């Protein structure tokens, strides 16, 4: 019987909207995230902490880009 795994490969794109984005990959908690490329039932890095301002800015950029593409 096949084993079911709940591990997911981390999507490091979340680093762009993490409150720790300004840190280097050698600094904690970033170094811990990089050392753990797999997470249980989540694609988010294990130490990911959402930055609401960055999330909102990212959503606005995506919306703006989408509108720009539609207008071409």
Protein backbone atom coordinates (compact mmCIF):
# COMPACT_ATOMS: atom_id res chain seq x y z
CA UNK A 1 0.00 0.00 0.00
CA UNK A 2 1.24 3.50 -0.84
CA UNK A 3 2.19 5.74 2.02
CA UNK A 4 0.40 9.06 2.21
CA UNK A 5 2.67 11.95 3.04
CA UNK A 6 1.55 15.29 4.35
CA UNK A 7 4.87 16.96 3.66
CA UNK A 8 4.94 19.77 1.13
CA UNK A 9 7.86 21.46 -0.56
CA UNK A 10 8.21 24.99 0.78
CA UNK A 11 7.49 27.86 -1.61
CA UNK A 12 10.10 30.45 -0.72
CA UNK A 13 8.10 33.11 -2.60
CA UNK A 14 6.46 33.69 0.81
CA UNK A 15 9.75 35.28 1.90
CA UNK A 16 8.81 38.36 -0.14
CA UNK A 17 5.82 39.05 2.12
CA UNK A 18 7.40 37.91 5.39
CA UNK A 19 8.09 40.41 8.14
CA UNK A 20 11.67 39.10 8.25
CA UNK A 21 12.35 39.74 4.55
CA UNK A 22 15.07 42.29 5.25
CA UNK A 23 17.23 39.75 7.11
CA UNK A 24 19.94 37.76 5.38
CA UNK A 25 19.68 34.01 4.87
CA UNK A 26 22.34 33.58 7.58
CA UNK A 27 20.23 35.36 10.21
CA UNK A 28 17.56 33.72 12.35
CA UNK A 29 14.77 32.91 11.63
CA UNK A 30 15.65 32.89 7.90
CA UNK A 31 18.45 30.37 8.29
CA UNK A 32 16.03 27.94 9.95
CA UNK A 33 13.55 28.32 7.09
CA UNK A 34 16.21 27.69 4.47
CA UNK A 35 17.45 24.64 6.34
CA UNK A 36 13.91 23.16 6.21
CA UNK A 37 12.74 23.00 2.57
CA UNK A 38 9.77 20.76 3.50
CA UNK A 39 6.88 21.55 5.84
CA UNK A 40 3.98 19.53 7.22
CA UNK A 41 0.75 20.27 5.31
CA UNK A 42 1.94 23.75 4.30
CA UNK A 43 3.96 25.36 1.53
CA UNK A 44 4.88 28.24 3.85
CA UNK A 45 8.36 28.34 5.40
CA UNK A 46 8.32 27.08 8.99
CA UNK A 47 9.22 30.46 10.53
CA UNK A 48 7.13 32.55 8.11
CA UNK A 49 5.44 35.55 9.73
CA UNK A 50 3.04 37.43 7.49
CA UNK A 51 3.60 41.16 7.16
CA UNK A 52 0.14 42.66 6.50
CA UNK A 53 1.59 45.77 4.87
CA UNK A 54 3.69 43.72 2.42
CA UNK A 55 0.74 41.42 1.69
CA UNK A 56 -1.50 44.40 0.89
CA UNK A 57 1.19 46.04 -1.26
CA UNK A 58 1.77 42.75 -3.11
CA UNK A 59 -1.97 42.33 -3.76
CA UNK A 60 -2.16 45.88 -5.13
CA UNK A 61 0.80 45.27 -7.45
CA UNK A 62 -0.77 42.06 -8.75
CA UNK A 63 -4.10 43.81 -9.34
CA UNK A 64 -2.36 46.71 -11.09
CA UNK A 65 -0.36 44.34 -13.28
CA UNK A 66 -3.51 42.35 -14.13
CA UNK A 67 -5.38 45.52 -15.10
CA UNK A 68 -2.42 46.68 -17.20
CA UNK A 69 -2.28 43.37 -19.07
CA UNK A 70 -6.05 43.45 -19.72
CA UNK A 71 -5.79 46.99 -21.07
CA UNK A 72 -3.15 46.13 -23.69
